[in-house]
Protein backbone atom coordinates (compact mmCIF):
# COMPACT_ATOMS: atom_id res chain seq x y z
CA UNK A 1 35.25 22.61 78.33
CA UNK A 2 34.18 21.18 74.96
CA UNK A 3 30.70 21.72 73.28
CA UNK A 4 28.32 18.76 74.34
CA UNK A 5 26.53 17.39 71.36
CA UNK A 6 22.93 17.57 71.49
CA UNK A 7 21.66 14.12 70.39
CA UNK A 8 18.29 15.54 69.60
CA UNK A 9 19.78 17.85 67.10
CA UNK A 10 21.84 15.32 65.58
CA UNK A 11 19.00 13.12 65.40
CA UNK A 12 16.92 15.73 63.59
CA UNK A 13 19.94 16.56 61.20
CA UNK A 14 20.39 12.86 60.50
CA UNK A 15 16.72 12.65 59.61
CA UNK A 16 16.59 15.85 57.50
CA UNK A 17 19.85 14.46 55.62
CA UNK A 18 18.13 11.14 54.85
CA UNK A 19 15.22 12.70 53.48
CA UNK A 20 16.95 14.89 51.37
CA UNK A 21 18.96 12.05 49.87
CA UNK A 22 15.89 10.00 49.24
CA UNK A 23 14.32 13.01 47.85
CA UNK A 24 17.22 13.60 45.32
CA UNK A 25 17.45 9.72 44.65
CA UNK A 26 13.55 9.62 43.78
CA UNK A 27 14.11 12.65 41.49
CA UNK A 28 17.00 10.92 39.77
CA UNK A 29 15.03 7.79 39.34
CA UNK A 30 11.98 9.48 38.18
CA UNK A 31 14.22 11.49 35.66
CA UNK A 32 16.18 8.40 34.45
CA UNK A 33 12.55 6.68 34.04
CA UNK A 34 11.08 9.47 32.09
CA UNK A 35 14.15 9.75 29.89
CA UNK A 36 13.96 5.83 29.34
CA UNK A 37 10.30 6.10 28.58
CA UNK A 38 11.07 8.83 26.03
CA UNK A 39 13.76 7.01 24.33
CA UNK A 40 11.35 3.66 24.36
CA UNK A 41 8.34 5.76 22.86
CA UNK A 42 10.58 7.33 20.35
CA UNK A 43 12.05 3.97 19.38
CA UNK A 44 8.79 2.53 19.33
CA UNK A 45 7.03 5.09 17.01
CA UNK A 46 10.27 4.85 14.69
CA UNK A 47 9.76 1.08 14.36
CA UNK A 48 5.92 1.51 13.53
CA UNK A 49 6.88 4.22 11.03
CA UNK A 50 9.51 1.90 9.37
CA UNK A 51 7.23 -1.06 9.32
CA UNK A 52 4.10 0.85 7.98
CA UNK A 53 6.38 2.48 5.51
CA UNK A 54 7.61 -0.85 4.22
CA UNK A 55 4.17 -2.16 4.01
CA UNK A 56 2.99 0.72 1.88
CA UNK A 57 5.76 0.20 -0.49
CA UNK A 58 4.98 -3.58 -0.79
CA UNK A 59 1.20 -2.94 -1.27
CA UNK A 60 2.11 0.01 -3.90
CA UNK A 61 4.16 -2.63 -5.85
CA UNK A 62 1.61 -5.29 -5.69
CA UNK A 63 -1.06 -2.98 -7.01
CA UNK A 64 1.16 -1.88 -10.00
CA UNK A 65 1.57 -5.74 -10.66
CA UNK A 66 -2.17 -6.22 -10.52
CA UNK A 67 -2.64 -3.20 -12.74
CA UNK A 68 -0.29 -4.56 -15.29
CA UNK A 69 -1.55 -8.05 -15.16
CA UNK A 70 -5.21 -6.75 -15.73
CA UNK A 71 -3.86 -5.37 -18.97
CA UNK A 72 -2.42 -8.37 -20.30
CA UNK A 73 -4.20 -10.55 -23.13
CA UNK A 74 -6.40 -13.41 -21.72
CA UNK A 75 -4.43 -16.76 -21.81
CA UNK A 76 -6.23 -19.76 -22.93
CA UNK A 77 -6.06 -21.45 -19.29
CA UNK A 78 -8.09 -18.45 -17.84
CA UNK A 79 -10.73 -19.01 -20.28
CA UNK A 80 -14.30 -20.70 -19.15
CA UNK A 81 -14.76 -24.19 -20.23
CA UNK A 82 -18.10 -24.66 -21.76
CA UNK A 83 -20.37 -27.80 -21.38
CA UNK A 84 -21.61 -29.59 -24.44
CA UNK A 85 -24.90 -28.07 -23.56
CA UNK A 86 -23.80 -24.69 -23.77
CA UNK A 87 -21.54 -25.41 -26.88
CA UNK A 88 -24.73 -26.49 -28.66
CA UNK A 89 -26.71 -23.44 -27.58
CA UNK A 90 -24.10 -20.80 -28.51
CA UNK A 91 -22.01 -19.57 -31.28
CA UNK A 92 -18.16 -19.51 -31.29
CA UNK A 93 -18.11 -15.67 -31.08
CA UNK A 94 -20.59 -15.65 -28.06
CA UNK A 95 -18.44 -18.11 -26.12
CA UNK A 96 -15.44 -16.11 -27.03
CA UNK A 97 -17.18 -12.85 -25.55
CA UNK A 98 -18.51 -14.56 -22.49
CA UNK A 99 -14.95 -16.21 -21.83
CA UNK A 100 -13.22 -12.99 -22.48
CA UNK A 101 -15.50 -11.01 -20.11
CA UNK A 102 -15.44 -13.63 -17.43
CA UNK A 103 -11.50 -13.96 -17.37
CA UNK A 104 -11.19 -9.88 -17.08
CA UNK A 105 -13.65 -9.96 -14.21
CA UNK A 106 -11.31 -12.56 -12.46
CA UNK A 107 -8.59 -10.05 -12.98
CA UNK A 108 -10.63 -7.16 -12.08
CA UNK A 109 -11.47 -9.16 -8.52
CA UNK A 110 -7.80 -9.53 -8.04
CA UNK A 111 -7.06 -5.87 -8.65
CA UNK A 112 -9.71 -4.91 -6.37
CA UNK A 113 -8.24 -6.82 -3.60
CA UNK A 114 -4.81 -5.39 -4.29
CA UNK A 115 -6.34 -2.14 -4.12
CA UNK A 116 -7.89 -2.45 -0.96
CA UNK A 117 -4.68 -3.70 0.61
CA UNK A 118 -2.95 -0.78 -0.66
CA UNK A 119 -5.66 1.43 0.96
CA UNK A 120 -5.25 -0.33 4.46
CA UNK A 121 -1.63 0.18 4.40
CA UNK A 122 -2.14 4.03 3.14
CA UNK A 123 -4.48 4.39 6.11
CA UNK A 124 -2.33 2.75 8.75
CA UNK A 125 0.84 5.00 7.56
CA UNK A 126 -1.52 8.08 7.89
CA UNK A 127 -2.44 7.10 11.63
CA UNK A 128 1.28 7.07 12.25
CA UNK A 129 2.94 9.70 10.23
CA UNK A 130 0.17 12.17 9.10
CA UNK A 131 -2.10 12.96 6.16
CA UNK A 132 0.73 14.14 3.64
CA UNK A 133 1.08 10.70 2.52
CA UNK A 134 -2.25 10.78 0.69
CA UNK A 135 -0.85 13.93 -1.31
CA UNK A 136 2.24 11.84 -2.10
CA UNK A 137 0.43 8.88 -3.54
CA UNK A 138 -2.23 10.93 -5.52
CA UNK A 139 -0.38 10.93 -8.78
CA UNK A 140 -0.03 7.17 -8.44
CA UNK A 141 -3.73 6.75 -8.12
CA UNK A 142 -4.55 8.92 -10.87
CA UNK A 143 -2.06 6.96 -13.05
CA UNK A 144 -4.01 3.83 -12.16
CA UNK A 145 -7.47 5.58 -13.36
CA UNK A 146 -6.77 5.29 -17.13
CA UNK A 147 -6.13 1.65 -17.54
CA UNK A 148 -9.31 0.98 -15.41
CA UNK A 149 -11.40 3.36 -17.45
CA UNK A 150 -10.31 1.50 -20.50
CA UNK A 151 -11.13 -1.80 -19.10
CA UNK A 152 -14.65 -1.00 -18.08
CA UNK A 153 -15.14 0.16 -21.77
CA UNK A 154 -14.19 -3.01 -23.09
CA UNK A 155 -16.47 -4.98 -20.36
CA UNK A 156 -19.18 -2.51 -21.40
CA UNK A 157 -18.70 -3.36 -25.00
CA UNK A 158 -18.50 -7.20 -24.39
CA UNK A 159 -21.54 -7.22 -22.21
CA UNK A 160 -23.69 -5.21 -24.67
CA UNK A 161 -25.31 -8.37 -26.87
CA UNK A 162 -27.27 -5.73 -29.15
CA UNK A 163 -23.99 -5.40 -30.72
CA UNK A 164 -22.67 -8.37 -32.46
CA UNK A 165 -19.11 -8.62 -32.13
CA UNK A 166 -16.30 -11.26 -32.58
CA UNK A 167 -12.45 -11.18 -31.75
CA UNK A 168 -11.62 -9.72 -34.91
CA UNK A 169 -14.51 -6.76 -34.74
CA UNK A 170 -12.96 -3.40 -35.46
CA UNK A 171 -14.31 -2.22 -32.08
CA UNK A 172 -13.04 -5.00 -30.30
CA UNK A 173 -9.59 -4.36 -31.82
CA UNK A 174 -9.93 -0.69 -30.82
CA UNK A 175 -10.68 -1.27 -27.15
CA UNK A 176 -8.65 -4.11 -26.36
CA UNK A 177 -5.56 -2.40 -28.04
CA UNK A 178 -4.57 -1.00 -24.52
CA UNK A 179 -4.06 -4.59 -23.30
CA UNK A 180 -1.37 -5.45 -25.74
CA UNK A 181 2.12 -5.58 -24.38
CA UNK A 182 4.60 -3.64 -26.52
CA UNK A 183 7.41 -5.63 -27.38
CA UNK A 184 10.67 -4.15 -27.25
CA UNK A 185 8.90 -0.69 -26.69
CA UNK A 186 8.04 1.34 -23.83
CA UNK A 187 4.46 0.88 -22.48
CA UNK A 188 3.29 4.21 -21.69
CA UNK A 189 0.40 3.50 -19.40
CA UNK A 190 2.67 0.87 -17.43
CA UNK A 191 5.52 3.71 -17.43
CA UNK A 192 3.06 6.29 -15.82
CA UNK A 193 2.04 3.89 -13.19
CA UNK A 194 5.64 3.13 -12.40
CA UNK A 195 7.00 6.67 -12.38
CA UNK A 196 3.84 7.94 -10.21
CA UNK A 197 4.31 4.95 -7.69
CA UNK A 198 7.79 6.04 -7.62
CA UNK A 199 6.91 9.65 -6.57
CA UNK A 200 5.14 8.17 -3.61
CA UNK A 201 8.05 6.02 -2.61
CA UNK A 202 10.11 9.19 -2.40
CA UNK A 203 8.14 10.38 0.29
CA UNK A 204 8.56 7.17 2.23
CA UNK A 205 12.49 7.10 2.12
CA UNK A 206 13.15 8.95 5.32
CA UNK A 207 10.94 6.80 7.18
CA UNK A 208 12.54 3.71 5.56
CA UNK A 209 16.17 5.04 6.43
CA UNK A 210 17.00 5.31 2.88
CA UNK A 211 18.34 8.11 0.35
CA UNK A 212 17.40 6.54 -2.74
CA UNK A 213 14.62 4.15 -4.33
CA UNK A 214 17.51 2.16 -6.08
CA UNK A 215 19.78 1.63 -3.27
């Protein structure tokens, strides 16, 4: 006589097998979800790092351009237009120094705005990738300091009305000499800023998926 099948036991085995299958499926599903989440987070961080590095490179270039522009001689269209009354009450030398200082302060405001945008980009990258970026761009910020110091010295001279000066005064020629561009020669201040900026950009290359600044 054959063995009788106990429906109760069969039902219990089926239930156990079904629970095991459901459990395994749940574990597999959770594992896939966690792996997918990990990949998504990695891709998201990679994209954020790339965008932050790209923004920082752009802002460092913009700040370099603002620094270079700040050192150019003032063009006529940048100078203050004086009213008839102003002309009657001032000398030509006074009008020159007023317009000279005002034009440089407009450029200084443009530089300050570019500097603020650079620091915002620097902070944004620091949040994503760490504080080493500050060290990478320290030489760049130091290089920008020398043109600024000379500009402030020049503005202090223009603002000191106890000293009578005109465009051809020796002190003016001495202090404004730093803003003259070198025709056919290397501008040492601009070169120092550019080389220091490139040091910071080298630090960003891995986040930009590049191996060189030039390519």
